[in-house]
């Protein structure tokens, strides 16, 4: 009985917490369909009294397609490069931790880098970007952040959980390190790959500071910078901001819904059975 009461209480807390998280998103979506006169009128209404989608039409007609394309290019290309670097680096740090003496020292240096606030590196990043000629170039936003300690750590920890007998058996059969990595280790780390894909896509999609510093041509703006343009000298176009914000969160939600089933769990046991 006591366990049942505890379960009920935890369930109620989870439901309330979920509602508190979802409510602002619901309010954002519903408010984006309200006319300007109704947005701040009192008393406030959750549901639009006069439903309208003209704000979405205005945002779309103002060249928002270009901003969406730029954000997709930044997020997708950046995520792919991040996955490649993180998976290979994590493999090296995990597999050779007992054979190469300084491997753990290298990993410790990576971890120390996480103690440095990212904002303190902005000036140095901008200087390097300008020096190599990537200012006002989308690649100047992608390349500085493709290496992430979080991704390296995730892959390293997963590879360390895989029995070394897999690797040793493959080496005895004459497989190269590249073949071991591509055919054995990387497929086993599917859950890690999917998790990092979601995180990396969200980081790049929602990035604001670096694109704001690097990109000066409006045609190269990402969606987050484009939303800022609705704040002008004559006021704030809240309706367009709300509509653009709803558009900006749709890709992240879709990707999470498609990939969430791969996040939990591991495929190591399936590999052992094979």
Protein backbone atom coordinates (compact mmCIF):
# COMPACT_ATOMS: atom_id res chain seq x y z
CA UNK A 1 0.00 0.00 0.00
CA UNK A 2 2.82 2.38 0.88
CA UNK A 3 4.54 1.67 -2.42
CA UNK A 4 1.27 2.29 -4.26
CA UNK A 5 0.79 5.67 -2.54
CA UNK A 6 4.35 6.64 -3.40
CA UNK A 7 3.75 5.69 -7.02
CA UNK A 8 0.57 7.81 -7.14
CA UNK A 9 2.35 10.82 -5.67
CA UNK A 10 5.26 10.51 -8.11
CA UNK A 11 2.83 10.15 -11.00
CA UNK A 12 0.97 13.31 -9.97
CA UNK A 13 4.24 15.22 -9.63
CA UNK A 14 5.29 14.03 -13.10
CA UNK A 15 1.96 15.08 -14.62
CA UNK A 16 2.10 18.53 -13.00
CA UNK A 17 5.72 19.00 -14.06
CA UNK A 18 4.83 17.97 -17.61
CA UNK A 19 1.95 20.45 -17.74
CA UNK A 20 4.18 23.26 -16.48
CA UNK A 21 6.68 22.51 -19.24
CA UNK A 22 4.12 22.12 -22.02
CA UNK A 23 1.87 25.08 -21.11
CA UNK A 24 4.25 27.86 -22.31
CA UNK A 25 4.68 26.05 -25.64
CA UNK A 26 0.91 25.69 -26.04
CA UNK A 27 0.46 29.38 -25.18
CA UNK A 28 3.15 30.30 -27.75
CA UNK A 29 1.48 28.31 -30.52
CA UNK A 30 -2.04 29.58 -29.78
CA UNK A 31 -0.85 33.19 -29.42
CA UNK A 32 0.77 33.04 -32.84
CA UNK A 33 -2.73 32.75 -34.33
CA UNK A 34 -4.09 35.79 -32.50
CA UNK A 35 -4.47 39.20 -34.21
CA UNK A 36 -2.34 42.09 -32.92
CA UNK A 37 -5.27 43.73 -31.14
CA UNK A 38 -5.96 40.57 -29.16
CA UNK A 39 -2.42 39.65 -28.16
CA UNK A 40 -2.17 41.93 -25.11
CA UNK A 41 -5.85 42.66 -24.54
CA UNK A 42 -7.28 42.10 -21.06
CA UNK A 43 -8.52 39.72 -19.90
CA UNK A 44 -6.11 37.33 -21.55
CA UNK A 45 -7.53 34.35 -23.42
CA UNK A 46 -5.77 31.07 -24.05
CA UNK A 47 -7.64 30.37 -27.27
CA UNK A 48 -7.71 32.94 -30.10
CA UNK A 49 -11.01 34.83 -30.25
CA UNK A 50 -10.42 35.74 -33.91
CA UNK A 51 -8.25 33.04 -35.45
CA UNK A 52 -5.82 34.26 -38.12
CA UNK A 53 -2.78 32.83 -39.89
CA UNK A 54 -1.70 36.07 -41.58
CA UNK A 55 1.40 36.33 -39.40
CA UNK A 56 2.72 33.05 -40.80
CA UNK A 57 2.03 34.31 -44.32
CA UNK A 58 3.88 37.57 -43.63
CA UNK A 59 6.86 35.75 -42.14
CA UNK A 60 7.00 33.32 -45.04
CA UNK A 61 6.75 36.12 -47.63
CA UNK A 62 9.59 38.06 -45.99
CA UNK A 63 12.20 35.54 -47.15
CA UNK A 64 12.03 33.22 -44.18
CA UNK A 65 12.59 30.24 -46.47
CA UNK A 66 16.18 31.39 -47.01
CA UNK A 67 16.79 31.61 -43.26
CA UNK A 68 15.35 28.14 -42.74
CA UNK A 69 17.62 26.74 -45.45
CA UNK A 70 20.67 28.40 -43.87
CA UNK A 71 19.78 26.98 -40.45
CA UNK A 72 19.25 23.50 -41.88
CA UNK A 73 22.60 23.64 -43.67
CA UNK A 74 24.35 24.79 -40.49
CA UNK A 75 22.65 22.20 -38.27
CA UNK A 76 22.90 19.20 -40.60
CA UNK A 77 26.47 19.72 -41.84
CA UNK A 78 27.69 20.67 -38.37
CA UNK A 79 26.04 17.62 -36.85
CA UNK A 80 27.53 15.24 -39.43
CA UNK A 81 31.05 16.59 -38.86
CA UNK A 82 30.55 16.46 -35.09
CA UNK A 83 29.46 12.82 -35.25
CA UNK A 84 32.46 11.86 -37.37
CA UNK A 85 35.00 13.60 -35.13
CA UNK A 86 33.40 12.54 -31.83
CA UNK A 87 32.97 8.88 -32.78
CA UNK A 88 36.54 8.50 -34.07
CA UNK A 89 38.11 10.40 -31.19
CA UNK A 90 36.02 8.54 -28.61
CA UNK A 91 37.05 5.23 -30.20
CA UNK A 92 40.76 6.08 -29.98
CA UNK A 93 40.51 7.28 -26.37
CA UNK A 94 38.60 4.16 -25.30
CA UNK A 95 40.36 1.37 -27.20
CA UNK A 96 43.92 2.57 -26.69
CA UNK A 97 43.55 3.69 -23.07
CA UNK A 98 45.57 0.71 -21.82
CA UNK A 99 48.11 0.52 -24.65
CA UNK A 100 49.09 4.17 -25.12
CA UNK A 101 50.21 5.78 -21.88
CA UNK A 102 49.16 9.36 -22.57
CA UNK A 103 45.66 8.57 -23.85
CA UNK A 104 44.00 9.29 -20.51
CA UNK A 105 45.99 12.50 -20.18
CA UNK A 106 44.64 13.70 -23.53
CA UNK A 107 41.10 12.91 -22.39
CA UNK A 108 41.70 14.79 -19.13
CA UNK A 109 42.77 17.84 -21.13
CA UNK A 110 39.52 17.61 -23.11
CA UNK A 111 37.55 17.52 -19.87
CA UNK A 112 39.42 20.54 -18.51
CA UNK A 113 38.28 22.45 -21.56
CA UNK A 114 34.67 22.12 -20.41
CA UNK A 115 35.51 24.29 -17.39
CA UNK A 116 36.14 27.26 -19.69
CA UNK A 117 32.96 29.26 -20.38
CA UNK A 118 32.25 29.36 -24.09
CA UNK A 119 31.69 33.12 -24.01
CA UNK A 120 35.34 33.71 -23.07
CA UNK A 121 36.43 32.11 -26.35
CA UNK A 122 34.26 34.35 -28.53
CA UNK A 123 36.94 36.96 -29.22
CA UNK A 124 39.62 34.40 -30.08
CA UNK A 125 37.19 32.45 -32.28
CA UNK A 126 36.21 35.59 -34.15
CA UNK A 127 39.87 36.54 -34.64
CA UNK A 128 40.71 33.13 -36.10
CA UNK A 129 37.61 33.15 -38.31
CA UNK A 130 38.50 36.57 -39.70
CA UNK A 131 42.15 35.64 -40.22
CA UNK A 132 41.41 32.55 -42.32
CA UNK A 133 38.84 34.42 -44.41
CA UNK A 134 35.63 32.84 -43.14
CA UNK A 135 33.96 36.03 -41.94
CA UNK A 136 30.45 36.35 -43.38
CA UNK A 137 30.65 32.70 -44.41
CA UNK A 138 28.43 29.94 -43.04
CA UNK A 139 31.51 27.75 -42.64
CA UNK A 140 32.81 30.30 -40.17
CA UNK A 141 29.87 29.32 -37.95
CA UNK A 142 30.16 25.57 -38.53
CA UNK A 143 33.86 24.80 -38.10
CA UNK A 144 34.63 26.43 -34.70
CA UNK A 145 32.10 24.26 -32.85
CA UNK A 146 32.27 20.88 -34.61
CA UNK A 147 34.51 19.44 -31.89
CA UNK A 148 32.53 18.91 -28.70
CA UNK A 149 33.85 17.35 -25.52
CA UNK A 150 30.34 16.13 -24.72
CA UNK A 151 30.23 14.01 -27.87
CA UNK A 152 33.73 12.63 -27.33
CA UNK A 153 32.86 11.77 -23.74
CA UNK A 154 29.62 10.00 -24.74
CA UNK A 155 31.32 7.83 -27.34
CA UNK A 156 34.31 7.06 -25.12
CA UNK A 157 32.15 5.93 -22.23
CA UNK A 158 30.07 3.73 -24.51
CA UNK A 159 33.04 2.13 -26.24
CA UNK A 160 34.55 1.39 -22.82
CA UNK A 161 31.43 -0.63 -21.96
CA UNK A 162 31.90 -2.86 -25.01
CA UNK A 163 33.94 -6.00 -24.22
CA UNK A 164 37.45 -5.79 -25.63
CA UNK A 165 37.00 -9.39 -26.81
CA UNK A 166 35.07 -8.00 -29.78
CA UNK A 167 38.06 -5.93 -30.87
CA UNK A 168 40.63 -8.63 -30.12
CA UNK A 169 38.68 -11.28 -32.03
CA UNK A 170 38.42 -8.98 -35.04
CA UNK A 171 42.15 -8.26 -34.94
CA UNK A 172 42.91 -12.00 -34.83
CA UNK A 173 40.73 -12.42 -37.92
CA UNK A 174 42.87 -9.81 -39.67
CA UNK A 175 40.47 -6.87 -39.58
CA UNK A 176 42.04 -3.41 -39.76
CA UNK A 177 41.35 -0.74 -37.14
CA UNK A 178 39.18 1.14 -39.63
CA UNK A 179 37.13 -1.98 -40.32
CA UNK A 180 36.75 -2.68 -36.59
CA UNK A 181 35.57 0.86 -36.02
CA UNK A 182 33.12 0.97 -38.95
CA UNK A 183 31.72 -2.58 -38.83
CA UNK A 184 31.74 -3.38 -35.11
CA UNK A 185 32.09 -0.44 -32.74
CA UNK A 186 30.15 2.29 -34.52
CA UNK A 187 27.03 0.15 -35.22
CA UNK A 188 26.96 -0.89 -31.56
CA UNK A 189 26.92 2.78 -30.53
CA UNK A 190 23.67 3.50 -32.37
CA UNK A 191 21.94 4.86 -29.26
CA UNK A 192 24.86 7.21 -28.57
CA UNK A 193 24.89 8.36 -32.19
CA UNK A 194 21.18 9.15 -32.15
CA UNK A 195 21.39 10.98 -28.82
CA UNK A 196 24.32 13.10 -29.97
CA UNK A 197 22.54 13.77 -33.27
CA UNK A 198 19.60 15.29 -31.42
CA UNK A 199 21.80 17.32 -29.07
CA UNK A 200 24.10 18.54 -31.85
CA UNK A 201 21.22 19.50 -34.13
CA UNK A 202 19.60 21.48 -31.32
CA UNK A 203 22.88 23.24 -30.46
CA UNK A 204 23.45 24.36 -34.04
CA UNK A 205 19.82 25.14 -34.79
CA UNK A 206 19.47 27.35 -31.70
CA UNK A 207 22.93 28.93 -31.92
CA UNK A 208 22.71 32.71 -31.76
CA UNK A 209 25.92 34.39 -30.61
CA UNK A 210 28.39 32.98 -33.16
CA UNK A 211 26.14 33.47 -36.22
CA UNK A 212 25.40 37.01 -35.02
CA UNK A 213 29.11 37.82 -34.88
CA UNK A 214 30.20 36.05 -38.05
CA UNK A 215 27.36 36.67 -40.51
CA UNK A 216 26.78 40.21 -41.77
CA UNK A 217 24.90 39.50 -45.03
CA UNK A 218 21.18 39.23 -44.36
CA UNK A 219 20.83 36.53 -47.04
CA UNK A 220 23.12 34.30 -44.95
CA UNK A 221 21.28 34.80 -41.66
CA UNK A 222 20.07 31.80 -39.71
CA UNK A 223 16.55 31.59 -38.37
CA UNK A 224 17.52 32.75 -34.88
CA UNK A 225 19.11 35.97 -36.17
CA UNK A 226 16.17 36.52 -38.51
CA UNK A 227 13.78 36.49 -35.56
CA UNK A 228 15.79 39.33 -34.01
CA UNK A 229 15.11 41.45 -37.10
CA UNK A 230 11.47 41.74 -36.05
CA UNK A 231 12.67 43.99 -33.24
CA UNK A 232 13.07 47.40 -34.88
CA UNK A 233 13.34 51.08 -34.02
CA UNK A 234 9.59 51.50 -34.30
CA UNK A 235 8.76 48.71 -31.90
CA UNK A 236 8.54 44.95 -31.62
CA UNK A 237 6.52 42.89 -34.08
CA UNK A 238 5.39 40.33 -31.53
CA UNK A 239 3.05 38.52 -33.89
CA UNK A 240 5.82 37.82 -36.39
CA UNK A 241 8.18 36.81 -33.59
CA UNK A 242 5.64 34.31 -32.27
CA UNK A 243 4.97 32.86 -35.72
CA UNK A 244 8.69 32.62 -36.54
CA UNK A 245 9.38 31.02 -33.16
CA UNK A 246 6.77 28.33 -33.79
CA UNK A 247 8.33 27.61 -37.18
CA UNK A 248 11.78 27.39 -35.59
CA UNK A 249 10.81 24.74 -33.03
CA UNK A 250 8.98 22.44 -35.47
CA UNK A 251 12.13 20.77 -36.96
CA UNK A 252 13.56 20.02 -33.51
CA UNK A 253 10.29 18.45 -32.35
CA UNK A 254 10.02 16.35 -35.52
CA UNK A 255 13.59 15.08 -35.23
CA UNK A 256 13.12 14.21 -31.56
CA UNK A 257 9.87 12.34 -32.27
CA UNK A 258 11.51 10.35 -35.06
CA UNK A 259 14.64 9.42 -33.12
CA UNK A 260 13.54 9.21 -29.48
CA UNK A 261 12.97 5.44 -29.57
CA UNK A 262 16.69 4.94 -30.27
CA UNK A 263 17.91 7.02 -27.32
CA UNK A 264 17.28 4.58 -24.48
CA UNK A 265 19.00 1.25 -24.48
CA UNK A 266 22.13 -0.29 -25.84
CA UNK A 267 22.88 -2.77 -28.56
CA UNK A 268 25.87 -4.36 -26.82
CA UNK A 269 23.85 -7.31 -25.55
CA UNK A 270 22.59 -8.00 -29.05
CA UNK A 271 26.18 -8.05 -30.28
CA UNK A 272 27.18 -10.51 -27.56
CA UNK A 273 24.33 -12.86 -28.53
CA UNK A 274 25.51 -12.80 -32.13
